[in-house]
Amino acid sequence: MKKYEAFEERNTWDNYPGGGFWSANEHLAIERLKKYPDHVTLEQTLVIEKQAVTNYNIWNCYFTVERLKKEVKDAGFKMIEVFGDVTGASYTADSPAIAILLEK
């Protein structure tokens, strides 16, 4: 949850005359970061090229272990173990991610 709490809303734009992450072509990227209730954020990027305009929406949902346990139980799964990342690191409250091992 610390990552959600630290998330800052902002609106920015950048010009990429030689291309960049979103396109190899010259483009303008307009970014909006928005925080919503229920631990949800949106990273929205509008990529404007000479011949096209593309919108990318990256939605993030942040979970506590307790909330995740309830959701997996409601879906018919049993939580076997909780990790701090996908490599199997120990989970702590400061872990930037949660990886879980489930059983059906």
PDB file of N, CA and C in Angstrom:
ATOM      1  N   MET A   1       0.802  -1.194   0.000  1.00  0.00           N
ATOM      2  CA  MET A   1       0.000   0.000   0.000  1.00  0.00           C
ATOM      3  C   MET A   1       0.849   1.264   0.000  1.00  0.00           C
ATOM      4  N   LYS A   2       2.097   1.150   0.416  1.00  0.00           N
ATOM      5  CA  LYS A   2       2.958   2.332   0.433  1.00  0.00           C
ATOM      6  C   LYS A   2       3.129   2.906  -0.970  1.00  0.00           C
ATOM      7  N   LYS A   3       3.166   2.036  -1.962  1.00  0.00           N
ATOM      8  CA  LYS A   3       3.316   2.505  -3.339  1.00  0.00           C
ATOM      9  C   LYS A   3       2.088   3.315  -3.761  1.00  0.00           C
ATOM     10  N   TYR A   4       0.902   2.869  -3.376  1.00  0.00           N
ATOM     11  CA  TYR A   4      -0.326   3.617  -3.675  1.00  0.00           C
ATOM     12  C   TYR A   4      -0.313   4.959  -2.944  1.00  0.00           C
ATOM     13  N   GLU A   5       0.042   4.931  -1.680  1.00  0.00           N
ATOM     14  CA  GLU A   5       0.066   6.164  -0.894  1.00  0.00           C
ATOM     15  C   GLU A   5       1.077   7.166  -1.441  1.00  0.00           C
ATOM     16  N   ALA A   6       2.186   6.689  -2.003  1.00  0.00           N
ATOM     17  CA  ALA A   6       3.219   7.572  -2.544  1.00  0.00           C
ATOM     18  C   ALA A   6       2.910   8.049  -3.967  1.00  0.00           C
ATOM     19  N   PHE A   7       1.918   7.450  -4.620  1.00  0.00           N
ATOM     20  CA  PHE A   7       1.569   7.805  -6.002  1.00  0.00           C
ATOM     21  C   PHE A   7       1.129   9.267  -6.056  1.00  0.00           C
ATOM     22  N   GLU A   8       1.709  10.029  -6.969  1.00  0.00           N
ATOM     23  CA  GLU A   8       1.374  11.447  -7.106  1.00  0.00           C
ATOM     24  C   GLU A   8       0.726  11.713  -8.455  1.00  0.00           C
ATOM     25  N   GLU A   9      -0.401  12.387  -8.418  1.00  0.00           N
ATOM     26  CA  GLU A   9      -1.076  12.774  -9.654  1.00  0.00           C
ATOM     27  C   GLU A   9      -0.267  13.877 -10.337  1.00  0.00           C
ATOM     28  N   ARG A  10      -0.257  13.830 -11.677  1.00  0.00           N
ATOM     29  CA  ARG A  10       0.420  14.887 -12.431  1.00  0.00           C
ATOM     30  C   ARG A  10       0.023  14.805 -13.895  1.00  0.00           C
ATOM     31  N   ASN A  11       0.244  15.901 -14.585  1.00  0.00           N
ATOM     32  CA  ASN A  11       0.046  15.985 -16.030  1.00  0.00           C
ATOM     33  C   ASN A  11       1.335  16.532 -16.625  1.00  0.00           C
ATOM     34  N   THR A  12       1.908  15.813 -17.593  1.00  0.00           N
ATOM     35  CA  THR A  12       3.151  16.252 -18.220  1.00  0.00           C
ATOM     36  C   THR A  12       3.096  15.963 -19.712  1.00  0.00           C
ATOM     37  N   TRP A  13       4.023  16.539 -20.434  1.00  0.00           N
ATOM     38  CA  TRP A  13       4.177  16.204 -21.844  1.00  0.00           C
ATOM     39  C   TRP A  13       5.653  16.279 -22.194  1.00  0.00           C
ATOM     40  N   ASP A  14       6.047  15.485 -23.186  1.00  0.00           N
ATOM     41  CA  ASP A  14       7.423  15.475 -23.671  1.00  0.00           C
ATOM     42  C   ASP A  14       7.418  15.275 -25.173  1.00  0.00           C
ATOM     43  N   ASN A  15       8.360  15.928 -25.835  1.00  0.00           N
ATOM     44  CA  ASN A  15       8.540  15.785 -27.272  1.00  0.00           C
ATOM     45  C   ASN A  15       9.714  14.837 -27.520  1.00  0.00           C
ATOM     46  N   TYR A  16       9.531  13.885 -28.430  1.00  0.00           N
ATOM     47  CA  TYR A  16      10.572  12.912 -28.758  1.00  0.00           C
ATOM     48  C   TYR A  16      10.872  12.981 -30.254  1.00  0.00           C
ATOM     49  N   PRO A  17      11.708  13.935 -30.682  1.00  0.00           N
ATOM     50  CA  PRO A  17      11.986  14.098 -32.115  1.00  0.00           C
ATOM     51  C   PRO A  17      12.708  12.905 -32.735  1.00  0.00           C
ATOM     52  N   GLY A  18      13.439  12.140 -31.933  1.00  0.00           N
ATOM     53  CA  GLY A  18      14.158  10.976 -32.446  1.00  0.00           C
ATOM     54  C   GLY A  18      13.517   9.656 -32.069  1.00  0.00           C
ATOM     55  N   GLY A  19      12.261   9.699 -31.632  1.00  0.00           N
ATOM     56  CA  GLY A  19      11.591   8.487 -31.169  1.00  0.00           C
ATOM     57  C   GLY A  19      11.855   8.273 -29.685  1.00  0.00           C
ATOM     58  N   GLY A  20      11.158   7.306 -29.121  1.00  0.00           N
ATOM     59  CA  GLY A  20      11.307   7.040 -27.694  1.00  0.00           C
ATOM     60  C   GLY A  20      10.621   5.752 -27.313  1.00  0.00           C
ATOM     61  N   PHE A  21      10.252   5.637 -26.058  1.00  0.00           N
ATOM     62  CA  PHE A  21       9.666   4.404 -25.533  1.00  0.00           C
ATOM     63  C   PHE A  21       8.385   4.010 -26.259  1.00  0.00           C
ATOM     64  N   TRP A  22       7.484   4.950 -26.473  1.00  0.00           N
ATOM     65  CA  TRP A  22       6.160   4.632 -27.013  1.00  0.00           C
ATOM     66  C   TRP A  22       6.155   4.443 -28.525  1.00  0.00           C
ATOM     67  N   SER A  23       7.124   5.014 -29.221  1.00  0.00           N
ATOM     68  CA  SER A  23       7.178   4.887 -30.679  1.00  0.00           C
ATOM     69  C   SER A  23       8.600   5.148 -31.155  1.00  0.00           C
ATOM     70  N   ALA A  24       9.003   4.433 -32.194  1.00  0.00           N
ATOM     71  CA  ALA A  24      10.320   4.668 -32.793  1.00  0.00           C
ATOM     72  C   ALA A  24      10.311   5.941 -33.632  1.00  0.00           C
ATOM     73  N   ASN A  25       9.113   6.422 -33.976  1.00  0.00           N
ATOM     74  CA  ASN A  25       8.969   7.632 -34.786  1.00  0.00           C
ATOM     75  C   ASN A  25       8.942   8.876 -33.899  1.00  0.00           C
ATOM     76  N   GLU A  26       9.141  10.018 -34.523  1.00  0.00           N
ATOM     77  CA  GLU A  26       8.981  11.286 -33.813  1.00  0.00           C
ATOM     78  C   GLU A  26       7.564  11.357 -33.248  1.00  0.00           C
ATOM     79  N   HIS A  27       7.443  11.773 -31.978  1.00  0.00           N
ATOM     80  CA  HIS A  27       6.112  11.870 -31.381  1.00  0.00           C
ATOM     81  C   HIS A  27       6.107  12.786 -30.167  1.00  0.00           C
ATOM     82  N   LEU A  28       4.906  13.166 -29.795  1.00  0.00           N
ATOM     83  CA  LEU A  28       4.653  13.919 -28.577  1.00  0.00           C
ATOM     84  C   LEU A  28       3.913  12.985 -27.635  1.00  0.00           C
ATOM     85  N   ALA A  29       4.330  12.925 -26.380  1.00  0.00           N
ATOM     86  CA  ALA A  29       3.666  12.066 -25.393  1.00  0.00           C
ATOM     87  C   ALA A  29       3.079  12.951 -24.294  1.00  0.00           C
ATOM     88  N   ILE A  30       1.772  12.849 -24.119  1.00  0.00           N
ATOM     89  CA  ILE A  30       1.075  13.577 -23.063  1.00  0.00           C
ATOM     90  C   ILE A  30       0.698  12.552 -22.001  1.00  0.00           C
ATOM     91  N   GLU A  31       1.158  12.784 -20.778  1.00  0.00           N
ATOM     92  CA  GLU A  31       0.955  11.803 -19.707  1.00  0.00           C
ATOM     93  C   GLU A  31       0.078  12.390 -18.607  1.00  0.00           C
ATOM     94  N   ARG A  32      -0.856  11.575 -18.146  1.00  0.00           N
ATOM     95  CA  ARG A  32      -1.701  11.946 -17.005  1.00  0.00           C
ATOM     96  C   ARG A  32      -1.646  10.800 -16.007  1.00  0.00           C
ATOM     97  N   LEU A  33      -1.286  11.109 -14.771  1.00  0.00           N
ATOM     98  CA  LEU A  33      -1.295  10.136 -13.685  1.00  0.00           C
ATOM     99  C   LEU A  33      -2.433  10.512 -12.754  1.00  0.00           C
ATOM    100  N   LYS A  34      -3.354   9.581 -12.527  1.00  0.00           N
ATOM    101  CA  LYS A  34      -4.568   9.856 -11.758  1.00  0.00           C
ATOM    102  C   LYS A  34      -4.743   8.797 -10.689  1.00  0.00           C
ATOM    103  N   LYS A  35      -5.107   9.233  -9.486  1.00  0.00           N
ATOM    104  CA  LYS A  35      -5.335   8.348  -8.348  1.00  0.00           C
ATOM    105  C   LYS A  35      -6.833   8.257  -8.094  1.00  0.00           C
ATOM    106  N   TYR A  36      -7.338   7.046  -7.945  1.00  0.00           N
ATOM    107  CA  TYR A  36      -8.758   6.806  -7.707  1.00  0.00           C
ATOM    108  C   TYR A  36      -8.951   6.152  -6.339  1.00  0.00           C
ATOM    109  N   PRO A  37     -10.191   6.189  -5.836  1.00  0.00           N
ATOM    110  CA  PRO A  37     -10.482   5.482  -4.577  1.00  0.00           C
ATOM    111  C   PRO A  37     -10.292   3.972  -4.745  1.00  0.00           C
ATOM    112  N   ASP A  38     -10.366   3.259  -3.668  1.00  0.00           N
ATOM    113  CA  ASP A  38     -10.255   1.792  -3.651  1.00  0.00           C
ATOM    114  C   ASP A  38      -8.909   1.301  -4.157  1.00  0.00           C
ATOM    115  N   HIS A  39      -7.863   2.119  -3.986  1.00  0.00           N
ATOM    116  CA  HIS A  39      -6.487   1.711  -4.278  1.00  0.00           C
ATOM    117  C   HIS A  39      -6.253   1.402  -5.753  1.00  0.00           C
ATOM    118  N   VAL A  40      -6.731   2.286  -6.617  1.00  0.00           N
ATOM    119  CA  VAL A  40      -6.567   2.146  -8.063  1.00  0.00           C
ATOM    120  C   VAL A  40      -5.898   3.406  -8.606  1.00  0.00           C
ATOM    121  N   THR A  41      -4.948   3.220  -9.547  1.00  0.00           N
ATOM    122  CA  THR A  41      -4.325   4.354 -10.225  1.00  0.00           C
ATOM    123  C   THR A  41      -4.366   4.125 -11.730  1.00  0.00           C
ATOM    124  N   LEU A  42      -4.268   5.232 -12.468  1.00  0.00           N
ATOM    125  CA  LEU A  42      -4.227   5.188 -13.928  1.00  0.00           C
ATOM    126  C   LEU A  42      -2.997   5.942 -14.400  1.00  0.00           C
ATOM    127  N   GLU A  43      -2.214   5.290 -15.253  1.00  0.00           N
ATOM    128  CA  GLU A  43      -1.104   5.935 -15.949  1.00  0.00           C
ATOM    129  C   GLU A  43      -1.526   6.005 -17.411  1.00  0.00           C
ATOM    130  N   GLN A  44      -1.961   7.182 -17.840  1.00  0.00           N
ATOM    131  CA  GLN A  44      -2.506   7.350 -19.187  1.00  0.00           C
ATOM    132  C   GLN A  44      -1.517   8.145 -20.035  1.00  0.00           C
ATOM    133  N   THR A  45      -1.195   7.614 -21.211  1.00  0.00           N
ATOM    134  CA  THR A  45      -0.278   8.289 -22.124  1.00  0.00           C
ATOM    135  C   THR A  45      -0.925   8.386 -23.498  1.00  0.00           C
ATOM    136  N   LEU A  46      -0.992   9.612 -24.008  1.00  0.00           N
ATOM    137  CA  LEU A  46      -1.498   9.869 -25.352  1.00  0.00           C
ATOM    138  C   LEU A  46      -0.285  10.129 -26.232  1.00  0.00           C
ATOM    139  N   VAL A  47      -0.100   9.293 -27.255  1.00  0.00           N
ATOM    140  CA  VAL A  47       1.050   9.400 -28.147  1.00  0.00           C
ATOM    141  C   VAL A  47       0.562   9.984 -29.470  1.00  0.00           C
ATOM    142  N   ILE A  48       1.102  11.156 -29.811  1.00  0.00           N
ATOM    143  CA  ILE A  48       0.683  11.854 -31.025  1.00  0.00           C
ATOM    144  C   ILE A  48       1.830  11.816 -32.021  1.00  0.00           C
ATOM    145  N   GLU A  49       1.583  11.113 -33.140  1.00  0.00           N
ATOM    146  CA  GLU A  49       2.549  11.030 -34.232  1.00  0.00           C
ATOM    147  C   GLU A  49       1.972  11.780 -35.431  1.00  0.00           C
ATOM    148  N   LYS A  50       2.751  11.931 -36.483  1.00  0.00           N
ATOM    149  CA  LYS A  50       2.262  12.639 -37.676  1.00  0.00           C
ATOM    150  C   LYS A  50       1.034  11.970 -38.272  1.00  0.00           C
ATOM    151  N   GLN A  51       1.006  10.647 -38.297  1.00  0.00           N
ATOM    152  CA  GLN A  51      -0.073   9.921 -38.960  1.00  0.00           C
ATOM    153  C   GLN A  51      -1.019   9.190 -38.014  1.00  0.00           C
ATOM    154  N   ALA A  52      -0.769   9.254 -36.717  1.00  0.00           N
ATOM    155  CA  ALA A  52      -1.607   8.471 -35.799  1.00  0.00           C
ATOM    156  C   ALA A  52      -1.604   9.078 -34.399  1.00  0.00           C
ATOM    157  N   VAL A  53      -2.685   8.811 -33.700  1.00  0.00           N
ATOM    158  CA  VAL A  53      -2.800   9.158 -32.283  1.00  0.00           C
ATOM    159  C   VAL A  53      -3.200   7.876 -31.554  1.00  0.00           C
ATOM    160  N   THR A  54      -2.429   7.505 -30.542  1.00  0.00           N
ATOM    161  CA  THR A  54      -2.694   6.270 -29.802  1.00  0.00           C
ATOM    162  C   THR A  54      -2.754   6.580 -28.313  1.00  0.00           C
ATOM    163  N   ASN A  55      -3.751   6.012 -27.650  1.00  0.00           N
ATOM    164  CA  ASN A  55      -3.911   6.197 -26.212  1.00  0.00           C
ATOM    165  C   ASN A  55      -3.565   4.890 -25.489  1.00  0.00           C
ATOM    166  N   TYR A  56      -2.736   4.986 -24.465  1.00  0.00           N
ATOM    167  CA  TYR A  56      -2.372   3.835 -23.642  1.00  0.00           C
ATOM    168  C   TYR A  56      -2.863   4.086 -22.220  1.00  0.00           C
ATOM    169  N   ASN A  57      -3.638   3.157 -21.687  1.00  0.00           N
ATOM    170  CA  ASN A  57      -4.123   3.228 -20.313  1.00  0.00           C
ATOM    171  C   ASN A  57      -3.550   2.057 -19.525  1.00  0.00           C
ATOM    172  N   ILE A  58      -2.788   2.357 -18.510  1.00  0.00           N
ATOM    173  CA  ILE A  58      -2.241   1.325 -17.635  1.00  0.00           C
ATOM    174  C   ILE A  58      -2.904   1.496 -16.271  1.00  0.00           C
ATOM    175  N   TRP A  59      -3.792   0.566 -15.952  1.00  0.00           N
ATOM    176  CA  TRP A  59      -4.510   0.590 -14.685  1.00  0.00           C
ATOM    177  C   TRP A  59      -3.761  -0.271 -13.677  1.00  0.00           C
ATOM    178  N   ASN A  60      -3.587   0.237 -12.481  1.00  0.00           N
ATOM    179  CA  ASN A  60      -2.933  -0.497 -11.402  1.00  0.00           C
ATOM    180  C   ASN A  60      -3.877  -0.604 -10.219  1.00  0.00           C
ATOM    181  N   CYS A  61      -3.963  -1.789  -9.645  1.00  0.00           N
ATOM    182  CA  CYS A  61      -4.760  -2.024  -8.447  1.00  0.00           C
ATOM    183  C   CYS A  61      -3.804  -2.491  -7.354  1.00  0.00           C
ATOM    184  N   TYR A  62      -3.872  -1.860  -6.213  1.00  0.00           N
ATOM    185  CA  TYR A  62      -2.958  -2.146  -5.111  1.00  0.00           C
ATOM    186  C   TYR A  62      -3.694  -2.957  -4.046  1.00  0.00           C
ATOM    187  N   PHE A  63      -3.048  -4.012  -3.568  1.00  0.00           N
ATOM    188  CA  PHE A  63      -3.673  -4.935  -2.620  1.00  0.00           C
ATOM    189  C   PHE A  63      -2.887  -5.006  -1.322  1.00  0.00           C
ATOM    190  N   THR A  64      -3.600  -5.224  -0.237  1.00  0.00           N
ATOM    191  CA  THR A  64      -2.977  -5.686   0.999  1.00  0.00           C
ATOM    192  C   THR A  64      -3.061  -7.208   0.947  1.00  0.00           C
ATOM    193  N   VAL A  65      -2.258  -7.880   1.733  1.00  0.00           N
ATOM    194  CA  VAL A  65      -2.323  -9.342   1.772  1.00  0.00           C
ATOM    195  C   VAL A  65      -3.714  -9.785   2.222  1.00  0.00           C
ATOM    196  N   GLU A  66      -4.290  -9.080   3.178  1.00  0.00           N
ATOM    197  CA  GLU A  66      -5.619  -9.446   3.688  1.00  0.00           C
ATOM    198  C   GLU A  66      -6.685  -9.352   2.589  1.00  0.00           C
ATOM    199  N   ARG A  67      -6.647  -8.276   1.826  1.00  0.00           N
ATOM    200  CA  ARG A  67      -7.629  -8.110   0.741  1.00  0.00           C
ATOM    201  C   ARG A  67      -7.438  -9.182  -0.335  1.00  0.00           C
ATOM    202  N   LEU A  68      -6.188  -9.487  -0.632  1.00  0.00           N
ATOM    203  CA  LEU A  68      -5.894 -10.510  -1.630  1.00  0.00           C
ATOM    204  C   LEU A  68      -6.364 -11.883  -1.158  1.00  0.00           C
ATOM    205  N   LYS A  69      -6.162 -12.189   0.122  1.00  0.00           N
ATOM    206  CA  LYS A  69      -6.629 -13.468   0.678  1.00  0.00           C
ATOM    207  C   LYS A  69      -8.130 -13.620   0.504  1.00  0.00           C
ATOM    208  N   LYS A  70      -8.871 -12.556   0.782  1.00  0.00           N
ATOM    209  CA  LYS A  70     -10.321 -12.602   0.642  1.00  0.00           C
ATOM    210  C   LYS A  70     -10.722 -12.830  -0.815  1.00  0.00           C
ATOM    211  N   GLU A  71     -10.083 -12.124  -1.738  1.00  0.00           N
ATOM    212  CA  GLU A  71     -10.427 -12.268  -3.155  1.00  0.00           C
ATOM    213  C   GLU A  71     -10.139 -13.671  -3.682  1.00  0.00           C
ATOM    214  N   VAL A  72      -8.992 -14.243  -3.305  1.00  0.00           N
ATOM    215  CA  VAL A  72      -8.675 -15.581  -3.808  1.00  0.00           C
ATOM    216  C   VAL A  72      -9.581 -16.632  -3.175  1.00  0.00           C
ATOM    217  N   LYS A  73      -9.942 -16.436  -1.914  1.00  0.00           N
ATOM    218  CA  LYS A  73     -10.873 -17.361  -1.258  1.00  0.00           C
ATOM    219  C   LYS A  73     -12.244 -17.294  -1.927  1.00  0.00           C
ATOM    220  N   ASP A  74     -12.715 -16.071  -2.200  1.00  0.00           N
ATOM    221  CA  ASP A  74     -14.005 -15.897  -2.875  1.00  0.00           C
ATOM    222  C   ASP A  74     -14.009 -16.520  -4.272  1.00  0.00           C
ATOM    223  N   ALA A  75     -12.833 -16.617  -4.894  1.00  0.00           N
ATOM    224  CA  ALA A  75     -12.718 -17.206  -6.231  1.00  0.00           C
ATOM    225  C   ALA A  75     -12.501 -18.720  -6.173  1.00  0.00           C
ATOM    226  N   GLY A  76     -12.474 -19.292  -4.959  1.00  0.00           N
ATOM    227  CA  GLY A  76     -12.351 -20.738  -4.824  1.00  0.00           C
ATOM    228  C   GLY A  76     -10.930 -21.252  -4.710  1.00  0.00           C
ATOM    229  N   PHE A  77      -9.987 -20.381  -4.395  1.00  0.00           N
ATOM    230  CA  PHE A  77      -8.594 -20.785  -4.250  1.00  0.00           C
ATOM    231  C   PHE A  77      -8.175 -20.727  -2.791  1.00  0.00           C
ATOM    232  N   LYS A  78      -7.080 -21.407  -2.478  1.00  0.00           N
ATOM    233  CA  LYS A  78      -6.481 -21.368  -1.146  1.00  0.00           C
ATOM    234  C   LYS A  78      -5.097 -20.743  -1.288  1.00  0.00           C
ATOM    235  N   MET A  79      -4.802 -19.747  -0.457  1.00  0.00           N
ATOM    236  CA  MET A  79      -3.493 -19.110  -0.493  1.00  0.00           C
ATOM    237  C   MET A  79      -2.506 -19.978   0.284  1.00  0.00           C
ATOM    238  N   ILE A  80      -1.471 -20.454  -0.401  1.00  0.00           N
ATOM    239  CA  ILE A  80      -0.464 -21.325   0.199  1.00  0.00           C
ATOM    240  C   ILE A  80       0.687 -20.514   0.780  1.00  0.00           C
ATOM    241  N   GLU A  81       1.168 -19.533  -0.002  1.00  0.00           N
ATOM    242  CA  GLU A  81       2.310 -18.741   0.459  1.00  0.00           C
ATOM    243  C   GLU A  81       2.294 -17.366  -0.205  1.00  0.00           C
ATOM    244  N   VAL A  82       2.893 -16.394   0.491  1.00  0.00           N
ATOM    245  CA  VAL A  82       2.985 -15.016  -0.003  1.00  0.00           C
ATOM    246  C   VAL A  82       4.464 -14.649  -0.105  1.00  0.00           C
ATOM    247  N   PHE A  83       4.846 -14.043  -1.235  1.00  0.00           N
ATOM    248  CA  PHE A  83       6.234 -13.640  -1.483  1.00  0.00           C
ATOM    249  C   PHE A  83       6.301 -12.137  -1.754  1.00  0.00           C
ATOM    250  N   GLY A  84       7.495 -11.583  -1.616  1.00  0.00           N
ATOM    251  CA  GLY A  84       7.718 -10.160  -1.863  1.00  0.00           C
ATOM    252  C   GLY A  84       7.995  -9.824  -3.312  1.00  0.00           C
ATOM    253  N   ASP A  85       8.214 -10.829  -4.148  1.00  0.00           N
ATOM    254  CA  ASP A  85       8.364 -10.636  -5.594  1.00  0.00           C
ATOM    255  C   ASP A  85       8.266 -11.997  -6.277  1.00  0.00           C
ATOM    256  N   VAL A  86       8.388 -12.012  -7.593  1.00  0.00           N
ATOM    257  CA  VAL A  86       8.206 -13.267  -8.337  1.00  0.00           C
ATOM    258  C   VAL A  86       9.407 -14.205  -8.246  1.00  0.00           C
ATOM    259  N   THR A  87      10.501 -13.754  -7.615  1.00  0.00           N
ATOM    260  CA  THR A  87      11.652 -14.644  -7.435  1.00  0.00           C
ATOM    261  C   THR A  87      11.582 -15.409  -6.123  1.00  0.00           C
ATOM    262  N   GLY A  88      10.553 -15.140  -5.311  1.00  0.00           N
ATOM    263  CA  GLY A  88      10.388 -15.859  -4.057  1.00  0.00           C
ATOM    264  C   GLY A  88      10.959 -15.168  -2.838  1.00  0.00           C
ATOM    265  N   ALA A  89      11.282 -13.882  -2.960  1.00  0.00           N
ATOM    266  CA  ALA A  89      11.799 -13.131  -1.808  1.00  0.00           C
ATOM    267  C   ALA A  89      10.750 -13.086  -0.699  1.00  0.00           C
ATOM    268  N   SER A  90      11.209 -12.954   0.518  1.00  0.00           N
ATOM    269  CA  SER A  90      10.287 -12.866   1.654  1.00  0.00           C
ATOM    270  C   SER A  90       9.436 -11.609   1.540  1.00  0.00           C
ATOM    271  N   TYR A  91       8.164 -11.745   1.894  1.00  0.00           N
ATOM    272  CA  TYR A  91       7.254 -10.603   1.853  1.00  0.00           C
ATOM    273  C   TYR A  91       7.378  -9.794   3.139  1.00  0.00           C
ATOM    274  N   THR A  92       7.436  -8.471   2.994  1.00  0.00           N
ATOM    275  CA  THR A  92       7.355  -7.546   4.128  1.00  0.00           C
ATOM    276  C   THR A  92       6.375  -6.445   3.741  1.00  0.00           C
ATOM    277  N   ALA A  93       5.980  -5.643   4.700  1.00  0.00           N
ATOM    278  CA  ALA A  93       5.062  -4.532   4.424  1.00  0.00           C
ATOM    279  C   ALA A  93       5.671  -3.532   3.446  1.00  0.00           C
ATOM    280  N   ASP A  94       6.998  -3.516   3.312  1.00  0.00           N
ATOM    281  CA  ASP A  94       7.670  -2.601   2.391  1.00  0.00           C
ATOM    282  C   ASP A  94       7.917  -3.204   1.012  1.00  0.00           C
ATOM    283  N   SER A  95       7.524  -4.440   0.786  1.00  0.00           N
ATOM    284  CA  SER A  95       7.736  -5.073  -0.521  1.00  0.00           C
ATOM    285  C   SER A  95       6.983  -4.292  -1.598  1.00  0.00           C
ATOM    286  N   PRO A  96       7.639  -4.028  -2.738  1.00  0.00           N
ATOM    287  CA  PRO A  96       6.971  -3.275  -3.799  1.00  0.00           C
ATOM    288  C   PRO A  96       5.956  -4.106  -4.585  1.00  0.00           C
ATOM    289  N   ALA A  97       5.962  -5.409  -4.366  1.00  0.00           N
ATOM    290  CA  ALA A  97       5.049  -6.297  -5.095  1.00  0.00           C
ATOM    291  C   ALA A  97       4.620  -7.433  -4.172  1.00  0.00           C
ATOM    292  N   ILE A  98       3.570  -8.117  -4.598  1.00  0.00           N
ATOM    293  CA  ILE A  98       3.116  -9.317  -3.899  1.00  0.00           C
ATOM    294  C   ILE A  98       3.015 -10.425  -4.940  1.00  0.00           C
ATOM    295  N   ALA A  99       3.640 -11.557  -4.668  1.00  0.00           N
ATOM    296  CA  ALA A  99       3.484 -12.748  -5.498  1.00  0.00           C
ATOM    297  C   ALA A  99       2.897 -13.825  -4.593  1.00  0.00           C
ATOM    298  N   ILE A 100       1.936 -14.565  -5.116  1.00  0.00           N
ATOM    299  CA  ILE A 100       1.267 -15.556  -4.267  1.00  0.00           C
ATOM    300  C   ILE A 100       1.248 -16.921  -4.931  1.00  0.00           C
ATOM    301  N   LEU A 101       1.323 -17.944  -4.098  1.00  0.00           N
ATOM    302  CA  LEU A 101       1.186 -19.325  -4.537  1.00  0.00           C
ATOM    303  C   LEU A 101      -0.197 -19.777  -4.095  1.00  0.00           C
ATOM    304  N   LEU A 102      -1.014 -20.209  -5.062  1.00  0.00           N
ATOM    305  CA  LEU A 102      -2.392 -20.606  -4.783  1.00  0.00           C
ATOM    306  C   LEU A 102      -2.606 -22.072  -5.089  1.00  0.00           C
ATOM    307  N   GLU A 103      -3.624 -22.635  -4.467  1.00  0.00           N
ATOM    308  CA  GLU A 103      -4.042 -24.006  -4.744  1.00  0.00           C
ATOM    309  C   GLU A 103      -5.538 -23.982  -5.009  1.00  0.00           C
ATOM    310  N   LYS A 104      -5.966 -24.730  -6.000  1.00  0.00           N
ATOM    311  CA  LYS A 104      -7.396 -24.813  -6.329  1.00  0.00           C
ATOM    312  C   LYS A 104      -8.025 -25.941  -5.576  1.00  0.00           C
TER     313      LYS A 104
END
